[in-house]
Amino acid sequence: MNVDPAFTLAEHVHRTTFETLPEAAVRATKRDILDTLGATLGGSVAPGVDELAGLVKHWGGREESSLLLIGGKVPAPQAALVNATMGHALDFDDTFDRAGNIHPGTSTLAASLAMAEMQGGASGRDFVLAVTLGLDVACRLALAATLDRGWHRTAAFGIFGATAAAGKLLGLTVQQTVDAFGIAYSQAAGNRQCIVDGALTKRFQAGQAASGAVLAALLARQGFTGAREVFAGRFGFFPMYQPDGYDLGAVTDGLGAIFRGVEVSFKPYPSGRPNHAMLDAALELYRRLDLATADGGAGIAEVVITTDPRTYQDQLSPEAGKRRPSQVVEAQFSIPFLAAAALVRGQVGIGEVARVDDPQVIALSERVQGAVREGAPANWAEITVRRADGRAAVLETTGPSGSPGKPLTDAQLQAKFRDCAAHAARPIPQAVVEQAMQLIAHLDDSPDATVMVRLFD
């Protein structure tokens, strides 16, 4: 009889120690913590956060874990809910490109911070270990899904990674970890219709995953049971959620030797990951054609973006309705708007994406033309830009920046962290920002990882 991957993963989580982690995995995890915490700081000002935090504070309860930047302590599951929602709000958090663009970090980090605080602290080594395992589990499960069925994998799959991290910090046994996975399965959810509709529930789903993970781990410790054949049972996660579209071998391939967090990408732009190669190309055209002198886009005579048929239909066709986003979630996934921002402003940062009513960007966005190349692969694009003075250039996309093949440097990640902090809900002294970056860089030497929370409470 085949053993369900839940047991294999539970044993992996239980037996792995910090000393057995490869150096590359430790470094990747600390980079992920820096990137995710930065996205959380920047997301603190995003729509929906105040409303969610206000409701959680209204409920009150035991003061266990902190609401980052917002201030105050609430029960651990609710702190994880709010903090992970903030972390995903800008769509600036990490992504595993070859596993359905799951964002494994935000739910894992928020659950880990909430659990560590609830217990009165956790050593830096224990914290890094837990996050490493959470990233590994979430990424492995996402890799096993070979067919896109419209799940928001950050939530529906990410809850299991967050549960692994929370359970590790809680010291669960193998059997308790299996139960925690089963309890998490009963809460696993998240869809991408919210992206189509531009709804705030996309960010909320990441929060749900973090909150559900904390609850799952705590219930399992109390002896509460969950499904055991979690992933491969008759009504298990993959047969139910991914019928005819999964490979369980991906869950255990290289388990314990390869920690999938090393393969995670860090976003250079706060937008949907499939658009990043296109934005790389647009920004290169901005430099090549000296579009800083193009009168805020008025000096650009023509922009043509050629894509595969599906992307054209979804993004660039007349009926797609993507050229004038009404709010930030729509802007994060609008190719015409994002390309126009790159060509007009020469950068695509938090401010550019948030300014959905920028008249110069909207004016160019509405003039962006789409074209189709039959047989082109998904996420491929070719951009043609012609200035009013006749200068023109054409550029084809390559692999997106921020990926393991084109990684952001430590300096670029630090610059991103500073940018996120600068857009936070309240001013953060520069000295605190620098202190946080240094703390995370040496987190495995810290006696208490929750110091990073107290910097921003």
Protein backbone atom coordinates (compact mmCIF):
# COMPACT_ATOMS: atom_id res chain seq x y z
CA MET A 1 0.00 0.00 0.00
CA ASN A 2 1.38 3.38 -0.98
CA VAL A 3 1.98 5.85 1.82
CA ASP A 4 0.11 9.13 1.46
CA PRO A 5 2.47 12.08 0.91
CA ALA A 6 1.06 13.62 4.07
CA PHE A 7 3.02 11.10 6.14
CA THR A 8 6.18 11.55 4.08
CA LEU A 9 6.01 15.32 4.38
CA ALA A 10 5.21 15.12 8.10
CA GLU A 11 8.28 12.96 8.70
CA HIS A 12 10.36 15.38 6.63
CA VAL A 13 9.16 18.35 8.66
CA HIS A 14 9.64 16.56 11.97
CA ARG A 15 13.13 15.15 11.39
CA THR A 16 14.80 18.06 9.58
CA THR A 17 17.09 20.16 11.76
CA PHE A 18 18.80 23.45 11.08
CA GLU A 19 22.15 21.66 10.94
CA THR A 20 20.95 19.51 8.03
CA LEU A 21 19.89 22.48 5.90
CA PRO A 22 22.13 23.30 2.94
CA GLU A 23 23.74 26.72 3.14
CA ALA A 24 21.96 27.71 -0.08
CA ALA A 25 18.59 26.94 1.51
CA VAL A 26 19.34 29.08 4.57
CA ARG A 27 20.43 31.99 2.38
CA ALA A 28 17.35 31.65 0.15
CA THR A 29 15.05 31.62 3.18
CA LYS A 30 16.57 34.75 4.67
CA ARG A 31 16.18 36.50 1.31
CA ASP A 32 12.57 35.34 1.21
CA ILE A 33 11.91 36.63 4.72
CA LEU A 34 13.37 40.02 3.78
CA ASP A 35 11.34 40.18 0.58
CA THR A 36 8.10 39.06 2.20
CA LEU A 37 8.43 41.34 5.21
CA GLY A 38 9.07 44.24 2.85
CA ALA A 39 5.96 43.42 0.82
CA THR A 40 4.02 43.30 4.10
CA LEU A 41 5.21 46.76 5.12
CA GLY A 42 4.29 48.18 1.73
CA GLY A 43 0.95 46.38 1.76
CA SER A 44 -0.03 47.89 5.09
CA VAL A 45 -1.53 50.87 3.26
CA ALA A 46 -3.36 48.80 0.65
CA PRO A 47 -7.16 48.84 0.28
CA GLY A 48 -8.94 46.35 2.49
CA VAL A 49 -6.27 46.17 5.18
CA ASP A 50 -7.79 48.80 7.46
CA GLU A 51 -11.21 47.21 7.16
CA LEU A 52 -9.91 43.74 7.98
CA ALA A 53 -7.71 44.94 10.85
CA GLY A 54 -10.55 47.02 12.23
CA LEU A 55 -12.86 44.01 12.33
CA VAL A 56 -10.21 41.85 13.99
CA LYS A 57 -9.59 44.51 16.62
CA HIS A 58 -13.32 44.85 17.17
CA TRP A 59 -13.49 41.13 17.94
CA GLY A 60 -10.65 41.48 20.45
CA GLY A 61 -9.52 38.40 22.33
CA ARG A 62 -6.31 37.14 23.88
CA GLU A 63 -3.32 39.36 23.10
CA GLU A 64 -0.96 36.80 21.54
CA SER A 65 0.52 38.12 18.31
CA SER A 66 1.15 41.53 16.75
CA LEU A 67 -0.48 43.30 13.85
CA LEU A 68 2.56 44.62 11.99
CA LEU A 69 2.68 48.44 11.79
CA ILE A 70 -1.00 48.66 12.71
CA GLY A 71 -0.15 47.98 16.33
CA GLY A 72 -1.77 45.96 19.07
CA LYS A 73 -1.96 42.23 19.70
CA VAL A 74 -4.77 39.82 18.86
CA PRO A 75 -5.21 36.04 18.90
CA ALA A 76 -2.54 34.36 16.78
CA PRO A 77 -4.84 33.15 13.96
CA GLN A 78 -6.22 36.68 13.50
CA ALA A 79 -2.73 38.24 13.48
CA ALA A 80 -1.70 35.77 10.78
CA LEU A 81 -4.86 36.63 8.82
CA VAL A 82 -4.15 40.36 8.76
CA ASN A 83 -0.38 40.18 8.27
CA ALA A 84 -0.55 37.72 5.38
CA THR A 85 -3.27 39.79 3.73
CA MET A 86 -0.92 42.77 3.91
CA GLY A 87 1.93 40.67 2.55
CA HIS A 88 0.00 39.71 -0.57
CA ALA A 89 -1.85 42.98 -1.12
CA LEU A 90 0.65 44.58 -3.50
CA ASP A 91 1.28 41.38 -5.47
CA PHE A 92 4.94 42.15 -4.78
CA ASP A 93 5.71 38.99 -2.80
CA ASP A 94 7.76 35.98 -3.91
CA THR A 95 6.64 33.58 -6.64
CA PHE A 96 7.51 30.08 -7.80
CA ASP A 97 7.39 30.58 -11.56
CA ARG A 98 7.22 26.97 -12.65
CA ALA A 99 4.54 25.93 -10.17
CA GLY A 100 1.59 28.06 -11.15
CA ASN A 101 3.11 31.25 -9.72
CA ILE A 102 2.32 30.28 -6.14
CA HIS A 103 3.45 32.89 -3.60
CA PRO A 104 4.67 30.61 -0.81
CA GLY A 105 6.22 33.22 1.48
CA THR A 106 3.42 35.45 2.74
CA SER A 107 1.25 32.80 4.43
CA THR A 108 4.29 30.92 5.70
CA LEU A 109 5.95 34.00 7.22
CA ALA A 110 2.75 35.37 8.76
CA ALA A 111 1.87 32.03 10.33
CA SER A 112 5.42 31.62 11.62
CA LEU A 113 5.55 35.10 13.16
CA ALA A 114 2.18 34.63 14.83
CA MET A 115 3.15 31.24 16.23
CA ALA A 116 6.57 32.39 17.43
CA GLU A 117 5.10 35.40 19.23
CA MET A 118 2.31 33.35 20.77
CA GLN A 119 4.92 31.08 22.32
CA GLY A 120 6.98 33.93 23.70
CA GLY A 121 9.67 33.85 21.03
CA ALA A 122 11.71 31.49 18.87
CA SER A 123 15.41 31.36 18.15
CA GLY A 124 16.53 32.65 14.78
CA ARG A 125 17.67 29.16 13.80
CA ASP A 126 14.34 27.58 14.68
CA PHE A 127 12.51 30.32 12.82
CA VAL A 128 14.62 30.04 9.67
CA LEU A 129 14.20 26.26 9.78
CA ALA A 130 10.43 26.51 10.06
CA VAL A 131 10.13 28.98 7.18
CA THR A 132 12.48 26.88 5.03
CA LEU A 133 10.26 23.85 5.57
CA GLY A 134 7.09 25.84 4.92
CA LEU A 135 8.42 27.13 1.61
CA ASP A 136 9.55 23.63 0.65
CA VAL A 137 6.19 21.99 1.36
CA ALA A 138 4.14 24.69 -0.39
CA CYS A 139 6.34 24.65 -3.49
CA ARG A 140 6.38 20.86 -3.73
CA LEU A 141 2.60 20.60 -3.58
CA ALA A 142 2.24 23.34 -6.18
CA LEU A 143 4.69 21.52 -8.46
CA ALA A 144 2.56 18.39 -8.23
CA ALA A 145 -0.39 20.17 -9.85
CA THR A 146 0.19 19.75 -13.58
CA LEU A 147 -3.09 21.26 -14.77
CA ASP A 148 -4.33 24.78 -14.14
CA ARG A 149 -7.85 24.56 -12.76
CA GLY A 150 -8.15 28.17 -11.61
CA TRP A 151 -7.10 27.68 -8.00
CA HIS A 152 -5.29 30.54 -6.31
CA ARG A 153 -2.39 28.29 -5.35
CA THR A 154 -1.01 30.82 -2.89
CA ALA A 155 -4.00 30.02 -0.69
CA ALA A 156 -5.29 26.58 -1.68
CA PHE A 157 -1.81 25.00 -1.72
CA GLY A 158 0.03 27.51 0.45
CA ILE A 159 -1.97 26.64 3.55
CA PHE A 160 -0.06 23.37 3.80
CA GLY A 161 3.33 25.10 3.74
CA ALA A 162 2.17 27.54 6.41
CA THR A 163 0.88 24.60 8.45
CA ALA A 164 4.25 22.84 8.18
CA ALA A 165 6.04 25.96 9.45
CA ALA A 166 3.57 26.58 12.28
CA GLY A 167 3.67 22.93 13.31
CA LYS A 168 7.47 22.89 13.34
CA LEU A 169 7.59 25.89 15.65
CA LEU A 170 4.97 24.26 17.85
CA GLY A 171 6.99 21.03 18.06
CA LEU A 172 4.29 18.74 16.66
CA THR A 173 4.95 15.02 16.38
CA VAL A 174 4.76 13.26 13.02
CA GLN A 175 1.21 12.11 13.67
CA GLN A 176 0.16 15.54 14.92
CA THR A 177 1.64 17.08 11.76
CA VAL A 178 -0.39 14.68 9.61
CA ASP A 179 -3.50 15.70 11.54
CA ALA A 180 -2.58 19.36 11.06
CA PHE A 181 -2.33 18.79 7.30
CA GLY A 182 -5.74 17.12 7.43
CA ILE A 183 -7.26 20.02 9.35
CA ALA A 184 -5.66 22.41 6.87
CA TYR A 185 -7.21 20.43 4.02
CA SER A 186 -10.65 21.11 5.48
CA GLN A 187 -9.88 24.83 5.09
CA ALA A 188 -7.93 24.78 1.81
CA ALA A 189 -9.53 27.20 -0.64
CA GLY A 190 -8.82 30.09 -2.95
CA ASN A 191 -9.78 30.91 -6.53
CA ARG A 192 -8.64 33.26 -9.27
CA GLN A 193 -12.08 34.61 -10.11
CA CYS A 194 -11.20 37.40 -7.70
CA ILE A 195 -8.40 38.39 -10.09
CA VAL A 196 -10.78 38.46 -13.05
CA ASP A 197 -13.18 40.61 -11.07
CA GLY A 198 -10.51 42.80 -9.45
CA ALA A 199 -11.67 41.87 -5.95
CA LEU A 200 -9.87 42.38 -2.65
CA THR A 201 -10.42 38.72 -1.77
CA LYS A 202 -7.24 37.79 -3.65
CA ARG A 203 -5.12 39.25 -0.84
CA PHE A 204 -7.57 37.97 1.78
CA GLN A 205 -7.15 34.39 0.56
CA ALA A 206 -3.46 34.46 1.50
CA GLY A 207 -4.53 35.66 4.94
CA GLN A 208 -7.05 32.85 5.23
CA ALA A 209 -4.31 30.33 4.49
CA ALA A 210 -2.04 31.73 7.22
CA SER A 211 -4.84 31.89 9.76
CA GLY A 212 -6.06 28.40 8.91
CA ALA A 213 -2.54 27.05 9.27
CA VAL A 214 -2.15 28.43 12.78
CA LEU A 215 -5.52 27.02 13.74
CA ALA A 216 -4.67 23.63 12.21
CA ALA A 217 -1.39 23.34 14.13
CA LEU A 218 -2.96 24.40 17.42
CA LEU A 219 -5.89 22.02 17.05
CA ALA A 220 -3.59 19.13 16.15
CA ARG A 221 -1.56 19.74 19.30
CA GLN A 222 -4.77 19.44 21.31
CA GLY A 223 -5.50 16.03 19.80
CA PHE A 224 -8.02 17.19 17.22
CA THR A 225 -7.85 14.89 14.20
CA GLY A 226 -7.98 15.58 10.50
CA ALA A 227 -8.09 13.42 7.40
CA ARG A 228 -5.05 11.15 7.21
CA GLU A 229 -4.95 10.30 3.52
CA VAL A 230 -4.77 14.02 2.90
CA PHE A 231 -3.29 14.24 -0.58
CA ALA A 232 -3.89 10.90 -2.31
CA GLY A 233 -6.93 9.40 -0.57
CA ARG A 234 -10.16 8.61 -2.36
CA PHE A 235 -11.38 12.10 -1.54
CA GLY A 236 -7.94 13.55 -0.95
CA PHE A 237 -6.68 16.94 -2.04
CA PHE A 238 -5.29 16.00 -5.43
CA PRO A 239 -8.07 13.62 -6.56
CA MET A 240 -10.65 16.22 -5.52
CA TYR A 241 -8.92 19.46 -6.49
CA GLN A 242 -6.76 18.29 -9.42
CA PRO A 243 -8.48 15.30 -11.11
CA ASP A 244 -6.47 14.20 -14.16
CA GLY A 245 -3.92 16.89 -13.42
CA TYR A 246 -1.34 15.90 -10.83
CA ASP A 247 1.93 14.06 -10.32
CA LEU A 248 2.52 12.98 -6.73
CA GLY A 249 6.14 12.18 -7.54
CA ALA A 250 6.86 15.92 -7.53
CA VAL A 251 5.96 16.08 -3.85
CA THR A 252 8.77 13.78 -2.76
CA ASP A 253 11.33 14.14 -5.55
CA GLY A 254 14.63 15.08 -3.88
CA LEU A 255 12.91 15.54 -0.52
CA GLY A 256 15.44 16.41 2.16
CA ALA A 257 18.18 17.08 -0.37
CA ILE A 258 16.55 19.87 -2.38
CA PHE A 259 14.67 22.63 -0.59
CA ARG A 260 12.45 24.24 -3.21
CA GLY A 261 12.71 27.71 -1.68
CA VAL A 262 16.02 28.07 -3.52
CA GLU A 263 14.02 28.09 -6.79
CA VAL A 264 11.66 30.89 -5.79
CA SER A 265 11.71 34.18 -7.71
CA PHE A 266 11.56 37.66 -6.21
CA LYS A 267 9.46 40.19 -8.05
CA PRO A 268 10.98 43.37 -9.44
CA TYR A 269 7.48 44.81 -10.06
CA PRO A 270 4.29 44.81 -7.93
CA SER A 271 2.13 43.08 -10.51
CA GLY A 272 1.16 39.68 -11.83
CA ARG A 273 4.28 37.61 -12.49
CA PRO A 274 3.35 36.57 -16.07
CA ASN A 275 3.71 40.24 -17.08
CA HIS A 276 7.26 40.71 -15.81
CA ALA A 277 9.18 39.66 -18.91
CA MET A 278 7.06 42.10 -20.89
CA LEU A 279 7.83 44.86 -18.40
CA ASP A 280 11.55 44.07 -18.62
CA ALA A 281 11.29 44.61 -22.38
CA ALA A 282 9.22 47.79 -22.06
CA LEU A 283 11.70 49.34 -19.64
CA GLU A 284 14.60 48.45 -21.94
CA LEU A 285 12.77 50.19 -24.80
CA TYR A 286 12.29 53.22 -22.53
CA ARG A 287 16.07 53.39 -22.18
CA ARG A 288 16.93 52.60 -25.81
CA LEU A 289 14.55 55.18 -27.26
CA ASP A 290 15.22 57.79 -24.57
CA LEU A 291 11.51 57.98 -23.77
CA ALA A 292 12.23 60.28 -20.84
CA THR A 293 12.25 62.97 -23.55
CA ALA A 294 8.96 61.79 -25.10
CA ASP A 295 6.78 64.39 -23.37
CA GLY A 296 5.10 62.07 -20.89
CA GLY A 297 4.11 59.62 -23.58
CA ALA A 298 2.71 62.23 -25.96
CA GLY A 299 5.82 61.82 -28.10
CA ILE A 300 5.16 58.11 -28.56
CA ALA A 301 3.33 57.59 -31.83
CA GLU A 302 2.67 53.87 -31.62
CA VAL A 303 2.93 50.90 -29.27
CA VAL A 304 2.16 47.39 -30.52
CA ILE A 305 2.32 44.38 -28.24
CA THR A 306 2.25 41.02 -30.01
CA THR A 307 1.35 38.02 -27.86
CA ASP A 308 -0.02 34.50 -27.98
CA PRO A 309 -3.75 34.25 -28.86
CA ARG A 310 -5.00 33.71 -25.32
CA THR A 311 -3.10 36.65 -23.85
CA TYR A 312 -4.33 38.85 -26.70
CA GLN A 313 -7.92 37.81 -26.05
CA ASP A 314 -7.66 38.30 -22.28
CA GLN A 315 -5.60 41.48 -22.27
CA LEU A 316 -5.34 43.33 -25.56
CA SER A 317 -8.48 42.65 -27.57
CA PRO A 318 -11.06 45.47 -27.77
CA GLU A 319 -13.49 43.52 -25.60
CA ALA A 320 -10.93 42.75 -22.85
CA GLY A 321 -11.50 46.11 -21.17
CA LYS A 322 -8.01 46.26 -19.64
CA ARG A 323 -6.83 49.67 -20.79
CA ARG A 324 -8.38 51.76 -18.03
CA PRO A 325 -8.22 49.93 -14.68
CA SER A 326 -10.55 51.30 -12.02
CA GLN A 327 -8.52 50.16 -9.00
CA VAL A 328 -5.19 48.65 -8.02
CA VAL A 329 -6.06 44.96 -8.33
CA GLU A 330 -7.10 45.53 -11.95
CA ALA A 331 -3.95 47.54 -12.61
CA GLN A 332 -1.73 44.76 -11.24
CA PHE A 333 -2.97 42.47 -14.01
CA SER A 334 -3.42 44.90 -16.91
CA ILE A 335 -0.79 44.57 -19.65
CA PRO A 336 -1.75 47.79 -21.47
CA PHE A 337 -1.66 49.85 -18.29
CA LEU A 338 1.57 48.34 -16.97
CA ALA A 339 3.32 48.68 -20.33
CA ALA A 340 2.20 52.29 -20.57
CA ALA A 341 3.49 53.00 -17.06
CA ALA A 342 6.88 51.54 -18.01
CA LEU A 343 7.07 53.55 -21.24
CA VAL A 344 5.86 56.83 -19.70
CA ARG A 345 7.43 56.73 -16.24
CA GLY A 346 10.48 54.56 -16.82
CA GLN A 347 9.71 52.46 -13.77
CA VAL A 348 6.93 50.22 -12.46
CA GLY A 349 6.92 50.49 -8.69
CA ILE A 350 4.33 50.70 -5.96
CA GLY A 351 3.47 54.30 -6.77
CA GLU A 352 3.09 53.75 -10.50
CA VAL A 353 0.73 50.82 -10.09
CA ALA A 354 -1.30 52.62 -7.43
CA ARG A 355 -1.86 55.68 -9.63
CA VAL A 356 -4.60 54.13 -11.71
CA ASP A 357 -5.82 57.59 -12.71
CA ASP A 358 -2.46 58.89 -13.99
CA PRO A 359 -3.69 60.81 -17.07
CA GLN A 360 -0.50 60.40 -19.11
CA VAL A 361 -0.29 56.67 -18.47
CA ILE A 362 -3.99 56.17 -19.22
CA ALA A 363 -3.67 58.18 -22.44
CA LEU A 364 -0.94 55.86 -23.71
CA SER A 365 -2.62 52.74 -22.33
CA GLU A 366 -5.69 53.47 -24.43
CA ARG A 367 -3.48 53.70 -27.54
CA VAL A 368 -1.65 50.41 -26.98
CA GLN A 369 -2.41 48.08 -29.87
CA GLY A 370 -2.50 44.31 -29.67
CA ALA A 371 -1.50 41.73 -32.26
CA VAL A 372 -1.50 37.93 -32.33
CA ARG A 373 1.23 35.48 -33.21
CA GLU A 374 -0.26 32.04 -33.69
CA GLY A 375 1.69 29.28 -31.99
CA ALA A 376 3.53 31.65 -29.64
CA PRO A 377 4.13 30.24 -26.14
CA ALA A 378 2.27 31.58 -23.13
CA ASN A 379 3.75 34.76 -21.62
CA TRP A 380 5.80 35.46 -24.75
CA ALA A 381 5.56 38.99 -26.15
CA GLU A 382 7.14 41.30 -28.68
CA ILE A 383 6.88 45.04 -28.19
CA THR A 384 7.22 47.61 -30.97
CA VAL A 385 7.53 51.28 -30.02
CA ARG A 386 7.71 54.14 -32.51
CA ARG A 387 8.38 57.70 -31.46
CA ALA A 388 6.76 60.65 -33.17
CA ASP A 389 10.18 61.68 -34.50
CA GLY A 390 10.48 58.36 -36.35
CA ARG A 391 12.83 56.49 -34.05
CA ALA A 392 11.61 52.97 -33.40
CA ALA A 393 12.69 49.72 -31.79
CA VAL A 394 11.37 46.20 -31.43
CA LEU A 395 12.15 43.89 -28.52
CA GLU A 396 11.16 40.31 -27.81
CA THR A 397 10.76 39.05 -24.26
CA THR A 398 13.14 36.64 -22.59
CA GLY A 399 12.97 35.05 -19.14
CA PRO A 400 11.76 37.49 -16.48
CA SER A 401 14.13 39.20 -14.10
CA GLY A 402 14.01 38.10 -10.48
CA SER A 403 14.08 34.41 -11.40
CA PRO A 404 16.87 32.04 -10.33
CA GLY A 405 18.31 32.45 -13.82
CA LYS A 406 18.19 36.26 -13.57
CA PRO A 407 18.20 36.82 -9.81
CA LEU A 408 17.83 40.12 -8.05
CA THR A 409 21.06 40.96 -6.26
CA ASP A 410 21.14 41.48 -2.51
CA ALA A 411 21.45 45.21 -3.20
CA GLN A 412 18.33 45.13 -5.39
CA LEU A 413 16.38 43.24 -2.74
CA GLN A 414 17.45 45.79 -0.14
CA ALA A 415 16.38 48.65 -2.42
CA LYS A 416 13.02 46.95 -2.86
CA PHE A 417 12.69 46.60 0.93
CA ARG A 418 13.42 50.30 1.39
CA ASP A 419 10.85 51.21 -1.29
CA CYS A 420 8.20 49.07 0.39
CA ALA A 421 8.98 50.61 3.78
CA ALA A 422 8.73 54.09 2.28
CA HIS A 423 5.15 53.32 1.20
CA ALA A 424 4.06 51.88 4.55
CA ALA A 425 0.95 52.99 6.43
CA ARG A 426 3.03 55.10 8.80
CA PRO A 427 6.55 56.56 8.56
CA ILE A 428 9.34 54.14 9.45
CA PRO A 429 12.63 55.70 10.52
CA GLN A 430 15.45 54.86 8.12
CA ALA A 431 17.52 53.54 11.01
CA VAL A 432 14.81 50.98 11.78
CA VAL A 433 14.69 49.90 8.13
CA GLU A 434 18.44 49.36 8.06
CA GLN A 435 18.33 47.56 11.42
CA ALA A 436 15.66 45.19 10.11
CA MET A 437 17.72 44.31 7.05
CA GLN A 438 20.77 43.59 9.16
CA LEU A 439 18.74 41.52 11.61
CA ILE A 440 17.34 39.33 8.82
CA ALA A 441 20.74 38.93 7.17
CA HIS A 442 22.01 37.40 10.41
CA LEU A 443 18.71 35.96 11.63
CA ASP A 444 20.14 32.50 12.23
CA ASP A 445 22.43 34.05 14.86
CA SER A 446 19.61 35.85 16.70
CA PRO A 447 18.37 34.49 20.06
CA ASP A 448 14.83 35.63 19.25
CA ALA A 449 13.41 36.06 15.75
CA THR A 450 10.41 38.02 17.00
CA VAL A 451 12.67 41.04 17.43
CA MET A 452 11.78 41.83 13.82
CA VAL A 453 8.12 42.11 14.83
CA ARG A 454 8.90 44.50 17.68
CA LEU A 455 10.70 46.78 15.25
CA PHE A 456 7.38 47.38 13.48
CA ASP A 457 4.73 47.01 16.18
